[in-house]
Amino acid sequence: MKKYIVLISGVNAQVEAEGYVQRCSFHTTRLFEAEDPHHARHLARDTVDRELDGVIHNKSGDPLVISVDWMKEVESFEEYGDLPYKDEFVWFRE
């Protein structure tokens, strides 16, 4: 399996913050082992979608949009294991 570092973003996320639901976007970084870049993109979207289950309050017809903004194949994850905010979501209002 190949190793990939992936920057993922989401827009149109309806999330509860400061006591009410508001539209936000996010960025997050993940590390994946995958057969190829296509598989890594698929894993990235599915993983983030599962992690946000119960956090996102979007209604039918107004979906969250998750995209892979950047991806790089790497030899090892060792140098990326201590990335700031790795596996966390950085949220901002739209």
Protein backbone atom coordinates (compact mmCIF):
# COMPACT_ATOMS: atom_id res chain seq x y z
CA MET A 1 0.00 0.00 0.00
CA LYS A 2 1.10 3.55 -0.74
CA LYS A 3 1.01 6.32 1.86
CA TYR A 4 -0.72 9.66 1.33
CA ILE A 5 -1.07 12.89 3.26
CA VAL A 6 -4.41 14.51 2.36
CA LEU A 7 -5.82 18.01 2.97
CA ILE A 8 -9.62 17.85 3.03
CA SER A 9 -12.09 20.71 3.09
CA GLY A 10 -15.81 20.97 3.60
CA VAL A 11 -18.23 23.76 2.78
CA ASN A 12 -21.87 24.34 3.60
CA ALA A 13 -21.67 22.52 6.92
CA GLN A 14 -24.60 23.30 9.21
CA VAL A 15 -23.08 22.92 12.69
CA GLU A 16 -24.10 23.98 16.16
CA ALA A 17 -21.83 26.66 17.55
CA GLU A 18 -22.45 29.31 20.19
CA GLY A 19 -25.89 27.87 20.89
CA TYR A 20 -27.35 27.86 17.39
CA VAL A 21 -26.87 26.14 14.04
CA GLN A 22 -24.78 28.12 11.58
CA ARG A 23 -23.16 27.58 8.20
CA CYS A 24 -19.45 26.81 8.47
CA SER A 25 -16.56 25.42 6.47
CA PHE A 26 -13.60 23.37 7.63
CA HIS A 27 -10.15 22.07 6.77
CA THR A 28 -8.55 18.92 8.12
CA THR A 29 -5.51 16.78 7.39
CA ARG A 30 -5.44 12.99 7.39
CA LEU A 31 -2.92 10.27 6.64
CA PHE A 32 -4.07 7.26 4.61
CA GLU A 33 -2.67 4.05 3.25
CA ALA A 34 -4.30 3.26 -0.08
CA GLU A 35 -3.72 1.39 -3.32
CA ASP A 36 -3.67 4.55 -5.44
CA PRO A 37 -4.64 8.27 -5.34
CA HIS A 38 -8.24 7.51 -6.38
CA HIS A 39 -8.64 5.11 -3.43
CA ALA A 40 -7.02 7.67 -1.07
CA ARG A 41 -9.55 10.34 -2.18
CA HIS A 42 -12.42 7.93 -1.60
CA LEU A 43 -11.09 7.02 1.87
CA ALA A 44 -10.66 10.70 2.74
CA ARG A 45 -14.23 11.65 1.87
CA ASP A 46 -15.75 8.58 3.54
CA THR A 47 -13.66 8.94 6.70
CA VAL A 48 -14.53 12.60 7.21
CA ASP A 49 -18.19 11.97 6.41
CA ARG A 50 -18.32 9.26 9.12
CA GLU A 51 -16.44 11.40 11.64
CA LEU A 52 -18.97 14.21 11.19
CA ASP A 53 -22.02 11.99 11.59
CA GLY A 54 -24.13 13.59 14.29
CA VAL A 55 -22.23 16.90 14.07
CA ILE A 56 -23.67 18.10 10.76
CA HIS A 57 -27.27 19.33 10.79
CA ASN A 58 -27.79 19.83 7.05
CA LYS A 59 -31.28 19.25 5.70
CA SER A 60 -32.08 17.17 2.65
CA GLY A 61 -31.39 19.21 -0.47
CA ASP A 62 -28.71 21.34 1.25
CA PRO A 63 -25.74 18.95 1.45
CA LEU A 64 -22.33 19.27 3.01
CA VAL A 65 -19.70 19.30 0.25
CA ILE A 66 -16.45 17.48 1.08
CA SER A 67 -13.47 17.78 -1.25
CA VAL A 68 -9.82 16.80 -1.36
CA ASP A 69 -7.83 20.00 -1.87
CA TRP A 70 -4.34 18.54 -1.89
CA MET A 71 -2.74 15.12 -1.71
CA LYS A 72 0.85 13.92 -1.70
CA GLU A 73 2.29 10.44 -1.78
CA VAL A 74 4.97 10.05 0.90
CA GLU A 75 7.49 7.35 1.75
CA SER A 76 6.64 7.31 5.45
CA PHE A 77 4.26 8.93 7.93
CA GLU A 78 7.03 9.46 10.50
CA GLU A 79 7.70 13.08 9.58
CA TYR A 80 3.96 13.89 9.51
CA GLY A 81 2.88 12.26 12.77
CA ASP A 82 3.18 15.49 14.77
CA LEU A 83 1.42 17.85 12.36
CA PRO A 84 -0.51 20.56 14.21
CA TYR A 85 -4.25 19.85 14.10
CA LYS A 86 -3.77 16.46 12.39
CA ASP A 87 -7.02 14.51 12.74
CA GLU A 88 -8.80 17.64 14.02
CA PHE A 89 -11.17 19.98 12.22
CA VAL A 90 -10.39 23.68 11.85
CA TRP A 91 -13.77 25.40 11.54
CA PHE A 92 -14.65 28.87 10.28
CA ARG A 93 -17.89 30.64 9.45
CA GLU A 94 -18.83 31.08 5.82
